[in-house]
Protein backbone atom coordinates (compact mmCIF):
# COMPACT_ATOMS: atom_id res chain seq x y z
CA MET A 1 68.21 30.18 48.31
CA SER A 2 70.01 27.43 45.43
CA GLY A 3 69.13 27.48 42.09
CA LEU A 4 66.43 25.21 40.86
CA VAL A 5 66.03 23.70 37.39
CA VAL A 6 63.15 21.72 36.20
CA ARG A 7 62.48 20.34 32.78
CA ALA A 8 59.35 18.77 31.12
CA ARG A 9 58.64 17.14 27.38
CA ARG A 10 55.58 20.10 27.51
CA VAL A 11 55.95 23.06 28.80
CA VAL A 12 53.57 25.77 28.52
CA LEU A 13 55.51 28.90 27.44
CA PRO A 14 54.66 32.74 26.81
CA ASP A 15 54.34 31.81 22.32
CA GLY A 16 53.23 28.22 23.04
CA GLU A 17 53.83 24.71 24.14
CA CYS A 18 57.69 22.57 23.48
CA ALA A 19 59.78 20.89 25.81
CA ALA A 20 62.18 23.68 27.70
CA ALA A 21 64.41 23.16 30.79
CA VAL A 22 63.25 26.58 33.41
CA HIS A 23 66.68 27.94 35.29
CA THR A 24 65.66 29.39 38.63
CA GLU A 25 67.71 31.25 40.59
CA ASN A 26 67.03 33.58 44.04
CA GLY A 27 63.46 32.66 43.16
CA ARG A 28 63.36 34.46 39.39
CA ILE A 29 63.41 32.31 36.34
CA THR A 30 66.95 33.66 34.37
CA ALA A 31 66.65 30.98 31.75
CA VAL A 32 64.24 28.94 29.31
CA THR A 33 66.67 26.47 27.44
CA ALA A 34 66.02 23.08 25.78
CA PHE A 35 65.34 20.04 27.56
CA ASP A 36 68.56 18.69 27.57
CA ASP A 37 70.43 21.75 28.46
CA ALA A 38 70.28 21.10 32.17
CA PRO A 39 72.10 19.76 34.78
CA ALA A 40 72.11 15.94 36.23
CA ALA A 41 70.44 17.51 39.56
CA ALA A 42 67.57 19.04 37.83
CA VAL A 43 64.00 17.75 38.35
CA THR A 44 62.59 16.13 35.31
CA LEU A 45 58.25 15.82 35.51
CA ALA A 46 57.25 12.19 34.50
CA ASP A 47 56.41 12.01 30.83
CA ASP A 48 52.71 12.42 31.26
CA GLU A 49 53.01 15.57 33.71
CA VAL A 50 53.49 19.21 31.73
CA LEU A 51 54.70 21.64 33.18
CA LEU A 52 52.52 25.71 33.78
CA PRO A 53 53.21 28.65 35.50
CA GLY A 54 51.31 29.30 38.96
CA LEU A 55 48.20 30.27 39.11
CA VAL A 56 47.05 33.97 39.77
CA ASP A 57 43.52 33.81 41.52
CA SER A 58 42.55 37.72 41.08
CA HIS A 59 38.87 36.77 42.95
CA VAL A 60 38.96 35.05 46.54
CA HIS A 61 37.37 36.05 49.49
CA VAL A 62 39.63 35.09 52.35
CA ASN A 63 37.29 36.10 55.13
CA GLU A 64 39.75 37.55 58.16
CA PRO A 65 39.72 39.27 60.24
CA GLY A 66 36.22 38.91 61.42
CA ARG A 67 34.39 35.92 59.29
CA THR A 68 38.05 33.53 59.61
CA HIS A 69 35.44 31.06 60.86
CA TRP A 70 34.34 31.21 56.97
CA GLU A 71 38.00 30.41 55.32
CA GLY A 72 40.71 32.40 56.72
CA PHE A 73 44.61 33.07 55.24
CA ALA A 74 45.84 30.07 55.97
CA THR A 75 43.26 27.37 54.91
CA ALA A 76 43.34 29.43 51.64
CA THR A 77 46.34 29.80 50.61
CA ARG A 78 46.80 25.90 51.37
CA ALA A 79 43.31 24.91 48.95
CA ALA A 80 44.86 27.20 46.42
CA ILE A 81 48.90 26.25 46.66
CA ALA A 82 46.77 22.49 46.42
CA GLY A 83 44.99 23.49 43.65
CA GLY A 84 47.93 25.05 40.95
CA VAL A 85 47.00 28.86 42.34
CA THR A 86 50.57 30.22 43.76
CA THR A 87 48.65 33.83 44.20
CA ILE A 88 45.62 35.14 45.23
CA VAL A 89 43.82 38.35 44.93
CA ASP A 90 41.71 38.79 48.33
CA MET A 91 38.29 40.79 47.94
CA PRO A 92 37.73 43.57 50.31
CA LEU A 93 34.81 42.55 52.17
CA ASN A 94 33.50 40.02 54.32
CA SER A 95 36.21 40.30 57.10
CA ILE A 96 35.54 42.85 59.42
CA PRO A 97 36.67 45.75 59.21
CA PRO A 98 36.31 45.11 55.01
CA THR A 99 39.12 46.71 52.97
CA THR A 100 38.26 50.19 52.39
CA SER A 101 40.83 52.55 54.54
CA VAL A 102 44.19 52.47 55.00
CA GLU A 103 43.77 51.34 58.47
CA ALA A 104 42.05 48.30 57.46
CA LEU A 105 44.58 47.65 54.85
CA HIS A 106 47.02 47.36 57.58
CA VAL A 107 44.61 45.50 59.35
CA LYS A 108 44.59 42.80 57.17
CA ARG A 109 48.12 42.66 56.41
CA GLU A 110 49.24 42.06 59.84
CA THR A 111 46.35 39.61 60.45
CA ALA A 112 47.80 37.04 56.98
CA LYS A 113 51.69 37.95 57.79
CA GLY A 114 53.46 34.51 58.80
CA GLN A 115 50.26 32.58 57.71
CA VAL A 116 50.15 32.09 54.23
CA ALA A 117 51.40 29.40 51.62
CA ALA A 118 50.69 31.29 48.49
CA ASP A 119 51.79 35.15 48.02
CA VAL A 120 49.05 37.39 48.42
CA ALA A 121 47.77 40.43 47.27
CA PHE A 122 45.34 42.73 48.62
CA TRP A 123 42.16 44.33 46.64
CA GLY A 124 40.63 47.76 48.45
CA GLY A 125 36.99 48.72 48.00
CA ALA A 126 34.77 51.66 47.30
CA VAL A 127 32.20 52.22 49.55
CA PRO A 128 30.05 55.39 50.16
CA GLY A 129 31.71 58.32 51.76
CA ASN A 130 35.32 56.74 50.97
CA VAL A 131 36.45 58.63 47.77
CA ASP A 132 39.40 60.20 49.62
CA GLN A 133 40.74 56.81 50.67
CA LEU A 134 40.90 55.89 47.10
CA ARG A 135 44.30 57.10 46.16
CA PRO A 136 45.85 56.19 49.24
CA LEU A 137 44.68 52.36 49.15
CA LEU A 138 46.57 52.22 45.82
CA GLU A 139 49.38 54.24 46.96
CA ALA A 140 49.62 51.60 50.40
CA GLY A 141 49.97 48.97 47.27
CA VAL A 142 46.15 47.51 47.07
CA VAL A 143 45.58 46.71 43.35
CA GLY A 144 42.61 48.38 42.09
CA VAL A 145 39.44 48.74 44.13
CA LYS A 146 35.67 46.99 44.06
CA CYS A 147 32.67 48.08 44.41
CA PHE A 148 28.78 46.69 44.66
CA LEU A 149 26.18 48.34 42.61
CA LEU A 150 23.67 46.07 44.91
CA ASP A 151 23.46 45.05 49.21
CA SER A 152 26.47 43.00 49.00
CA GLY A 153 25.09 41.07 51.07
CA VAL A 154 27.01 42.19 54.20
CA PRO A 155 26.31 45.48 56.22
CA GLU A 156 29.59 46.80 56.09
CA PHE A 157 29.78 46.88 52.94
CA PRO A 158 27.78 48.56 51.19
CA PRO A 159 27.03 49.41 47.61
CA LEU A 160 27.39 52.48 45.09
CA ASP A 161 24.75 54.51 43.72
CA ASP A 162 25.24 55.66 39.96
CA ALA A 163 26.80 58.72 41.65
CA GLY A 164 29.34 57.12 43.66
CA LEU A 165 29.80 55.11 41.00
CA ARG A 166 30.69 58.08 38.68
CA ALA A 167 32.68 59.38 42.10
CA ALA A 168 34.50 56.75 42.06
CA LEU A 169 35.68 56.51 38.89
CA ALA A 170 36.74 59.98 38.15
CA GLU A 171 39.13 59.85 41.55
CA LEU A 172 40.29 56.59 39.72
CA ALA A 173 41.01 58.20 36.47
CA THR A 174 42.94 61.10 37.91
CA VAL A 175 45.57 57.80 38.70
CA ASP A 176 44.37 55.39 35.81
CA GLY A 177 43.38 53.00 39.24
CA LEU A 178 41.88 50.07 38.23
CA LEU A 179 37.79 49.76 39.44
CA ILE A 180 35.79 46.41 39.64
CA ALA A 181 32.43 45.93 40.35
CA HIS A 182 29.66 42.98 41.55
CA ALA A 183 26.94 44.09 38.05
CA GLU A 184 23.81 42.81 39.20
CA ASP A 185 20.55 45.76 39.12
CA ALA A 186 19.30 46.26 42.85
CA ASP A 187 15.47 47.38 40.98
CA VAL A 188 15.42 44.70 38.26
CA ILE A 189 15.84 42.08 41.00
CA ALA A 190 13.65 43.97 43.98
CA ALA A 191 10.80 43.49 40.55
CA ALA A 192 11.65 40.12 40.36
CA PRO A 193 9.90 37.03 42.16
CA GLU A 194 11.22 36.85 45.36
CA PRO A 195 12.94 33.32 46.27
CA THR A 196 11.68 31.32 48.25
CA GLY A 197 12.18 27.46 48.82
CA ALA A 198 14.64 25.30 47.76
CA SER A 199 12.97 25.82 43.75
CA TYR A 200 16.29 26.54 41.59
CA ALA A 201 14.16 27.78 39.24
CA GLY A 202 12.69 29.87 41.56
CA PHE A 203 16.42 31.29 43.10
CA LEU A 204 16.82 31.87 39.36
CA ALA A 205 14.18 33.61 38.57
CA SER A 206 14.90 35.99 41.46
CA ARG A 207 17.67 37.10 39.76
CA PRO A 208 17.53 38.00 36.06
CA GLY A 209 19.99 38.61 33.34
CA ALA A 210 18.75 41.94 32.63
CA ALA A 211 19.81 42.73 36.23
CA GLU A 212 23.32 42.18 35.12
CA GLU A 213 22.83 43.82 31.72
CA THR A 214 21.05 46.76 33.23
CA ALA A 215 24.01 47.32 35.76
CA ILE A 216 26.84 46.26 33.45
CA GLY A 217 25.73 48.93 31.08
CA ARG A 218 25.80 51.55 33.89
CA LEU A 219 29.64 50.95 34.29
CA VAL A 220 30.28 50.98 30.76
CA ALA A 221 28.57 54.61 30.46
CA ALA A 222 30.27 56.01 33.37
CA ALA A 223 33.53 54.21 32.10
CA ARG A 224 32.88 56.07 29.12
CA ASP A 225 32.20 58.82 30.21
CA THR A 226 35.43 59.11 33.16
CA GLY A 227 37.80 57.97 31.15
CA ALA A 228 38.42 54.97 33.72
CA ARG A 229 39.21 51.15 33.18
CA ALA A 230 36.50 49.22 34.74
CA HIS A 231 36.10 45.38 34.78
CA VAL A 232 33.12 43.43 35.50
CA VAL A 233 33.51 40.51 37.76
CA HIS A 234 32.18 36.96 37.43
CA LEU A 235 30.01 37.18 34.08
CA ALA A 236 27.09 34.79 34.50
CA ASP A 237 24.73 36.55 31.06
CA ALA A 238 25.69 36.06 28.15
CA ASP A 239 23.43 37.83 26.87
CA ALA A 240 25.75 40.94 27.99
CA LEU A 241 27.94 39.91 25.66
CA PRO A 242 26.95 42.06 22.83
CA MET A 243 26.79 45.01 25.06
CA LEU A 244 30.23 44.92 25.93
CA ARG A 245 31.39 44.13 22.49
CA ARG A 246 30.15 47.33 21.26
CA ALA A 247 31.40 49.14 24.35
CA ARG A 248 35.57 48.08 23.58
CA ALA A 249 34.60 48.92 19.90
CA GLU A 250 34.11 51.93 21.33
CA GLY A 251 36.91 52.48 22.83
CA VAL A 252 36.04 51.98 26.54
CA ARG A 253 38.72 50.72 28.37
CA ILE A 254 36.24 47.45 29.85
CA THR A 255 37.50 44.48 31.39
CA VAL A 256 35.53 41.19 32.16
CA GLU A 257 36.43 37.89 33.98
CA THR A 258 33.69 35.16 34.17
CA CYS A 259 34.13 31.85 36.65
CA PRO A 260 34.40 27.93 36.47
CA HIS A 261 30.69 27.66 37.98
CA TYR A 262 29.12 29.13 34.72
CA LEU A 263 31.35 27.35 32.54
CA THR A 264 31.04 24.24 34.77
CA PHE A 265 27.27 23.80 35.29
CA ALA A 266 24.13 24.40 33.70
CA ALA A 267 20.37 25.24 35.71
CA GLU A 268 19.02 22.88 34.19
CA ASP A 269 21.00 20.27 35.79
CA VAL A 270 20.98 21.91 39.23
CA PRO A 271 19.05 19.69 42.29
CA ASP A 272 15.84 21.69 44.02
CA GLY A 273 17.07 22.02 47.41
CA ALA A 274 21.16 22.08 46.40
CA THR A 275 21.95 25.29 47.80
CA SER A 276 25.49 24.87 47.28
CA PHE A 277 25.25 25.64 43.69
CA LYS A 278 23.96 28.71 44.88
CA CYS A 279 26.02 31.52 43.70
CA CYS A 280 25.37 35.35 42.76
CA PRO A 281 25.10 36.16 39.67
CA PRO A 282 23.06 32.15 39.65
CA ILE A 283 24.37 29.51 37.40
CA ARG A 284 21.94 30.13 34.50
CA GLU A 285 21.25 28.02 31.65
CA GLY A 286 22.99 25.65 29.67
CA ARG A 287 22.90 28.51 26.55
CA HIS A 288 25.05 30.91 28.74
CA ARG A 289 27.24 28.65 29.87
CA GLU A 290 28.29 27.72 26.10
CA ALA A 291 28.17 31.06 25.09
CA LEU A 292 30.76 32.23 27.66
CA TRP A 293 33.12 29.43 26.40
CA ALA A 294 32.94 30.58 22.37
CA ALA A 295 33.78 34.03 24.24
CA LEU A 296 36.75 32.68 25.84
CA SER A 297 38.25 32.13 22.32
CA ASP A 298 36.67 34.40 20.19
CA GLY A 299 36.40 38.19 19.90
CA ASP A 300 37.56 41.21 18.36
CA GLY A 301 41.49 42.17 16.94
CA GLY A 302 42.98 39.02 18.22
CA GLN A 303 41.32 39.98 21.82
CA PRO A 304 38.78 37.38 23.77
CA LEU A 305 35.56 39.27 24.95
CA ILE A 306 35.72 37.96 27.98
CA ASP A 307 39.54 38.11 29.15
CA MET A 308 39.96 35.54 32.28
CA VAL A 309 38.47 32.57 34.44
CA VAL A 310 39.12 33.37 38.13
CA SER A 311 37.30 31.80 41.23
CA ASP A 312 35.15 33.98 43.00
CA HIS A 313 35.75 31.50 45.58
CA SER A 314 33.10 32.64 48.47
CA PRO A 315 32.27 29.88 51.32
CA CYS A 316 30.96 29.97 54.53
CA THR A 317 29.95 27.98 57.46
CA PRO A 318 27.45 24.83 56.02
CA ASP A 319 24.87 26.77 58.55
CA LEU A 320 24.50 29.33 56.33
CA LYS A 321 24.24 27.53 53.19
CA ARG A 322 20.93 26.16 54.59
CA LEU A 323 21.65 22.29 53.65
CA GLU A 324 19.23 20.92 56.35
CA ASP A 325 16.57 22.67 54.49
CA GLY A 326 17.55 22.98 51.02
CA ASP A 327 16.20 27.20 50.86
CA PHE A 328 17.46 28.84 48.73
CA GLY A 329 16.26 32.14 48.96
CA ALA A 330 18.34 31.87 52.80
CA ALA A 331 21.29 30.50 51.91
CA TRP A 332 24.51 31.99 51.54
CA GLY A 333 25.26 32.66 48.28
CA GLY A 334 28.85 31.75 47.38
CA ILE A 335 30.57 29.25 45.93
CA ALA A 336 33.62 27.25 47.65
CA SER A 337 35.83 26.09 44.52
CA LEU A 338 39.11 27.65 44.85
CA GLN A 339 41.34 24.39 44.80
CA VAL A 340 39.63 22.44 42.22
CA ALA A 341 39.36 25.49 39.91
CA LEU A 342 42.18 24.70 37.33
CA PRO A 343 40.58 21.44 37.21
CA ALA A 344 37.20 22.19 36.40
CA VAL A 345 38.67 24.47 33.69
CA TRP A 346 40.31 21.89 32.19
CA THR A 347 38.17 19.45 31.98
CA GLY A 348 35.74 21.42 29.99
CA ALA A 349 38.50 23.34 28.20
CA ARG A 350 39.69 19.69 27.10
CA ALA A 351 36.20 18.18 26.23
CA ARG A 352 35.68 21.36 23.55
CA GLY A 353 38.93 21.03 21.96
CA ILE A 354 41.03 23.80 24.17
CA GLY A 355 44.46 23.67 24.72
CA LEU A 356 46.12 24.17 27.94
CA ASP A 357 47.77 27.29 26.74
CA GLU A 358 44.47 29.04 26.09
CA VAL A 359 43.85 28.38 29.92
CA VAL A 360 47.17 29.23 30.84
CA ARG A 361 46.05 32.21 29.30
CA TRP A 362 42.95 32.68 31.19
CA MET A 363 44.01 31.94 34.74
CA ALA A 364 47.70 33.20 35.04
CA THR A 365 48.78 35.59 32.45
CA ALA A 366 45.05 37.89 32.41
CA PRO A 367 44.81 37.55 35.80
CA ALA A 368 48.40 38.72 36.89
CA ARG A 369 48.20 41.67 34.23
CA LEU A 370 44.85 42.87 35.48
CA ALA A 371 45.83 43.06 39.32
CA THR A 372 49.27 44.63 38.28
CA LEU A 373 51.45 41.34 39.05
CA SER A 374 54.92 41.63 37.23
CA GLY A 375 56.45 38.96 38.12
CA LYS A 376 53.57 36.65 37.91
CA GLY A 377 52.27 34.99 35.48
CA ALA A 378 54.19 33.08 32.67
CA ILE A 379 57.25 31.01 32.55
CA ALA A 380 59.41 34.13 31.41
CA VAL A 381 63.17 34.92 32.37
CA GLY A 382 62.57 37.58 35.18
CA LYS A 383 58.83 36.03 36.62
CA ASP A 384 58.73 34.44 39.75
CA ALA A 385 59.45 30.66 39.85
CA ASP A 386 56.08 29.80 40.40
CA LEU A 387 55.38 26.61 38.95
CA VAL A 388 53.10 23.34 38.68
CA ALA A 389 53.92 19.87 37.54
CA PHE A 390 49.98 18.87 36.37
CA ALA A 391 48.89 15.39 34.57
CA PRO A 392 46.66 16.81 32.12
CA ASP A 393 44.97 12.98 32.14
CA GLU A 394 44.73 12.16 35.82
CA ARG A 395 40.73 11.44 36.30
CA TRP A 396 39.92 12.10 39.85
CA THR A 397 36.88 12.56 41.98
CA VAL A 398 36.69 15.71 44.54
CA GLY A 399 36.77 14.43 47.67
CA ASP A 400 38.92 16.05 51.22
CA LEU A 401 39.92 19.95 49.88
CA GLU A 402 41.56 21.94 52.01
CA HIS A 403 39.28 24.39 52.24
CA ARG A 404 38.17 25.06 55.96
CA HIS A 405 34.72 23.85 55.27
CA PRO A 406 34.04 21.02 52.75
CA VAL A 407 30.36 22.50 51.06
CA THR A 408 31.04 22.63 47.43
CA PRO A 409 28.96 21.53 44.18
CA TYR A 410 31.88 20.01 42.96
CA ALA A 411 31.98 17.21 45.82
CA GLY A 412 31.71 14.27 44.55
CA ARG A 413 32.35 15.21 40.59
CA SER A 414 35.03 13.86 38.39
CA LEU A 415 37.96 15.69 36.89
CA VAL A 416 40.55 15.63 34.85
CA GLY A 417 43.45 17.03 35.28
CA ALA A 418 45.54 16.77 38.38
CA VAL A 419 48.10 19.35 40.26
CA ARG A 420 50.87 16.89 41.50
CA ARG A 421 53.54 19.53 43.11
CA THR A 422 53.71 23.26 42.60
CA TRP A 423 56.92 25.47 43.05
CA LEU A 424 56.29 28.92 44.73
CA ARG A 425 60.00 31.26 44.11
CA GLY A 426 61.82 27.73 43.16
CA GLU A 427 61.05 26.17 46.39
CA VAL A 428 58.32 23.38 47.25
CA ALA A 429 55.72 23.97 48.27
CA ASP A 430 53.91 21.60 50.65
CA GLY A 431 51.55 24.15 52.25
CA SER A 432 53.77 25.72 54.71
CA PRO A 433 53.53 29.21 55.06
CA ILE A 434 56.46 30.23 53.14
CA GLY A 435 54.26 32.93 50.85
CA ARG A 436 54.72 36.50 50.21
CA LEU A 437 52.05 39.52 51.01
CA LEU A 438 52.19 41.17 47.63
CA ASP A 439 52.26 45.44 46.45
CA ARG A 440 50.76 46.46 43.29
CA GLY A 441 53.11 46.50 40.23
């Protein structure tokens, strides 16, 4: 592979933004020099473009094999590349079989082989009865394991009770493995009103913030008692933040993510019957959105309380969204957003005076660190030459996307920031299957 040099007047580096030339050889970054220190053949970005590292989205439901009609590796990774995401980490559920054994991991990897336009790593799954599979899954290359603390929505991926959660964490602690958890409490939800019909307020009331807080409390206690590493996926309820702050102050090893939809939308603005907005946990009121934004920048000891922003891309077929009757109770809960995650977050960040360096930290550096993908997440010597030419001032309207199905709450929305070109390990990424399957580390 020949060397590529890309230079720009604005390059987002780990220590800030500056004019620079990024030199690569054999798919790796070999030097970062002054803008003028570049050969004549260098690619020079336009004056309105910024060079970013390829993003890492550590929360993507690809759904293949088994539910490829919902998404699939080819379509998901093409959407990723179009959105400046050069690496995704595939979730263990919604595929059949779920990635809860080494054998199932091999099935998934064989299915993905030759299809992926972006690099792909994998989460394993922790379900009742598979504690003996967790260490072998890590040894086979998964970046960590995911569990649900309530019904996942698919029967082949059942939730862990408190004893199962603690057993999984205790096993993972022996090898410093990571457990990521969908944290909502089934008992709290069972006591809430049933969601029926097209009312978004009714759906929101059916999954109250207390469900997140109770489940996160269980996760914090189990992580404290076992000494294991734990991670809260897709935090929507800002009222859980004080508990998480206290846990970190006590030394509990817990990290947190949120998602573009929780930073973009507010419950007050979701129309009744608009089931494209349904996700679990739900999009909450505007006060939660603003508190989540604050927690991305504000923390203790220089560490933000929310570590990262990832898509939780969870598509399905249009019929499962119940678009014809708008029934929030019956519709599948999941938002398709992989391709628009960067511009959605940037639109909100820009409006709040937050810079691209912060967005890169949330959407590239921190997810790469979580998934122990040491070659990803930054423009730095030794990293993979995953690069994105991003036009931060270009306004556009969300239309056709590379996702298998067009259903998304972002449809028709005006966003700021457009991905114009992407390179994967120094090669132009145009949606062709040049990606690789990655192992932990």
